Amino acid sequence: MVDNGSLMHLERFYTSQWDEILRNRLENTPDGRPLAIVLYPTFDYSGVYAAEQNTIFQSLIDHGYRVMYYEVSTEGQMVDDLREASGE
């Protein structure tokens, strides 16, 4: 089984983005690119965060950012994820 970095909603990305998003989460190592931390809610009842509606990931990747994506369901989890992504 492939570790998906605790991401439940891979449908939020185009398949061409999966490797980049997952590698950044699993390695979590600065690589010289500027960091973009993207936090989305775990639950998306309306489907607005589906890949067809969402171009932010590709835009950030195209502009040279190391994208760290997290799904959060509580404020505490959001703080923890921000700390993890920023290395604090």
C-alpha atoms as a PDB file:
ATOM      1  CA  MET A   1       0.000   0.000   0.000  1.00  0.00           C
ATOM      2  CA  VAL A   2       1.336   3.442  -0.931  1.00  0.00           C
ATOM      3  CA  ASP A   3       1.466   5.964   1.900  1.00  0.00           C
ATOM      4  CA  ASN A   4      -0.538   8.941   0.729  1.00  0.00           C
ATOM      5  CA  GLY A   5       0.628  11.340   3.440  1.00  0.00           C
ATOM      6  CA  SER A   6      -2.766  11.162   5.176  1.00  0.00           C
ATOM      7  CA  LEU A   7      -4.575  12.650   2.209  1.00  0.00           C
ATOM      8  CA  MET A   8      -8.144  11.464   1.791  1.00  0.00           C
ATOM      9  CA  HIS A   9      -9.052  13.378  -1.348  1.00  0.00           C
ATOM     10  CA  LEU A  10      -6.650  12.647  -4.175  1.00  0.00           C
ATOM     11  CA  GLU A  11      -9.480  13.547  -6.554  1.00  0.00           C
ATOM     12  CA  ARG A  12      -8.703  17.174  -5.713  1.00  0.00           C
ATOM     13  CA  PHE A  13      -5.619  16.912  -7.915  1.00  0.00           C
ATOM     14  CA  TYR A  14      -4.994  15.982 -11.477  1.00  0.00           C
ATOM     15  CA  THR A  15      -3.146  12.657 -11.638  1.00  0.00           C
ATOM     16  CA  SER A  16      -0.151  14.469 -13.129  1.00  0.00           C
ATOM     17  CA  GLN A  17       0.180  16.375  -9.819  1.00  0.00           C
ATOM     18  CA  TRP A  18       0.028  13.407  -7.433  1.00  0.00           C
ATOM     19  CA  ASP A  19       3.752  12.617  -7.444  1.00  0.00           C
ATOM     20  CA  GLU A  20       4.711  16.217  -6.719  1.00  0.00           C
ATOM     21  CA  ILE A  21       2.130  16.718  -3.966  1.00  0.00           C
ATOM     22  CA  LEU A  22       2.810  13.379  -2.262  1.00  0.00           C
ATOM     23  CA  ARG A  23       6.607  13.645  -2.519  1.00  0.00           C
ATOM     24  CA  ASN A  24       6.559  17.090  -0.932  1.00  0.00           C
ATOM     25  CA  ARG A  25       4.414  15.846   1.947  1.00  0.00           C
ATOM     26  CA  LEU A  26       6.365  12.656   2.593  1.00  0.00           C
ATOM     27  CA  GLU A  27       9.842  14.184   2.286  1.00  0.00           C
ATOM     28  CA  ASN A  28       9.010  17.605   3.767  1.00  0.00           C
ATOM     29  CA  THR A  29      12.499  18.879   3.019  1.00  0.00           C
ATOM     30  CA  PRO A  30      13.351  22.375   1.766  1.00  0.00           C
ATOM     31  CA  ASP A  31      14.773  22.146  -1.745  1.00  0.00           C
ATOM     32  CA  GLY A  32      15.434  25.772  -2.648  1.00  0.00           C
ATOM     33  CA  ARG A  33      11.970  26.487  -4.022  1.00  0.00           C
ATOM     34  CA  PRO A  34       9.689  28.914  -2.197  1.00  0.00           C
ATOM     35  CA  LEU A  35       7.147  27.176   0.033  1.00  0.00           C
ATOM     36  CA  ALA A  36       3.392  27.348  -0.558  1.00  0.00           C
ATOM     37  CA  ILE A  37       1.251  25.837   2.189  1.00  0.00           C
ATOM     38  CA  VAL A  38      -2.264  25.001   1.034  1.00  0.00           C
ATOM     39  CA  LEU A  39      -4.890  24.048   3.629  1.00  0.00           C
ATOM     40  CA  TYR A  40      -8.234  22.659   2.523  1.00  0.00           C
ATOM     41  CA  PRO A  41     -11.110  21.365   4.623  1.00  0.00           C
ATOM     42  CA  THR A  42     -11.277  17.601   4.957  1.00  0.00           C
ATOM     43  CA  PHE A  43     -14.925  17.587   3.964  1.00  0.00           C
ATOM     44  CA  ASP A  44     -16.195  19.223   0.804  1.00  0.00           C
ATOM     45  CA  TYR A  45     -19.940  18.732   0.677  1.00  0.00           C
ATOM     46  CA  SER A  46     -20.427  20.845  -2.442  1.00  0.00           C
ATOM     47  CA  GLY A  47     -17.516  19.422  -4.459  1.00  0.00           C
ATOM     48  CA  VAL A  48     -16.023  22.855  -5.036  1.00  0.00           C
ATOM     49  CA  TYR A  49     -12.493  21.593  -4.302  1.00  0.00           C
ATOM     50  CA  ALA A  50     -12.519  18.893  -6.974  1.00  0.00           C
ATOM     51  CA  ALA A  51      -9.659  19.004  -9.487  1.00  0.00           C
ATOM     52  CA  GLU A  52     -11.882  20.159 -12.350  1.00  0.00           C
ATOM     53  CA  GLN A  53     -12.708  23.277 -10.353  1.00  0.00           C
ATOM     54  CA  ASN A  54      -9.256  23.825  -8.944  1.00  0.00           C
ATOM     55  CA  THR A  55      -6.227  25.091 -10.803  1.00  0.00           C
ATOM     56  CA  ILE A  56      -4.281  26.505  -7.859  1.00  0.00           C
ATOM     57  CA  PHE A  57      -2.007  23.471  -7.487  1.00  0.00           C
ATOM     58  CA  GLN A  58      -0.818  23.532 -11.077  1.00  0.00           C
ATOM     59  CA  SER A  59      -0.388  27.285 -10.995  1.00  0.00           C
ATOM     60  CA  LEU A  60       1.806  27.088  -7.868  1.00  0.00           C
ATOM     61  CA  ILE A  61       3.853  24.219  -9.329  1.00  0.00           C
ATOM     62  CA  ASP A  62       4.255  26.063 -12.632  1.00  0.00           C
ATOM     63  CA  HIS A  63       5.487  29.139 -10.767  1.00  0.00           C
ATOM     64  CA  GLY A  64       8.197  27.131  -9.000  1.00  0.00           C
ATOM     65  CA  TYR A  65       6.676  26.563  -5.568  1.00  0.00           C
ATOM     66  CA  ARG A  66       7.127  23.521  -3.360  1.00  0.00           C
ATOM     67  CA  VAL A  67       3.476  22.872  -2.531  1.00  0.00           C
ATOM     68  CA  MET A  68       2.655  21.420   0.871  1.00  0.00           C
ATOM     69  CA  TYR A  69      -1.011  20.405   0.876  1.00  0.00           C
ATOM     70  CA  TYR A  70      -2.963  19.484   3.997  1.00  0.00           C
ATOM     71  CA  GLU A  71      -6.547  18.530   4.722  1.00  0.00           C
ATOM     72  CA  VAL A  72      -7.791  19.852   8.045  1.00  0.00           C
ATOM     73  CA  SER A  73     -10.923  19.321  10.077  1.00  0.00           C
ATOM     74  CA  THR A  74     -10.124  21.278  13.251  1.00  0.00           C
ATOM     75  CA  GLU A  75      -8.335  24.482  14.163  1.00  0.00           C
ATOM     76  CA  GLY A  76      -5.829  22.513  16.244  1.00  0.00           C
ATOM     77  CA  GLN A  77      -5.024  20.296  13.290  1.00  0.00           C
ATOM     78  CA  MET A  78      -4.539  23.388  11.145  1.00  0.00           C
ATOM     79  CA  VAL A  79      -1.977  24.789  13.602  1.00  0.00           C
ATOM     80  CA  ASP A  80      -0.158  21.445  13.764  1.00  0.00           C
ATOM     81  CA  ASP A  81      -0.058  21.152   9.973  1.00  0.00           C
ATOM     82  CA  LEU A  82       1.235  24.703   9.572  1.00  0.00           C
ATOM     83  CA  ARG A  83       4.016  23.944  12.049  1.00  0.00           C
ATOM     84  CA  GLU A  84       4.921  20.722  10.270  1.00  0.00           C
ATOM     85  CA  ALA A  85       4.956  22.324   6.827  1.00  0.00           C
ATOM     86  CA  SER A  86       7.045  25.290   7.961  1.00  0.00           C
ATOM     87  CA  GLY A  87       9.492  23.167   9.939  1.00  0.00           C
ATOM     88  CA  GLU A  88       8.683  24.737  13.305  1.00  0.00           C
END
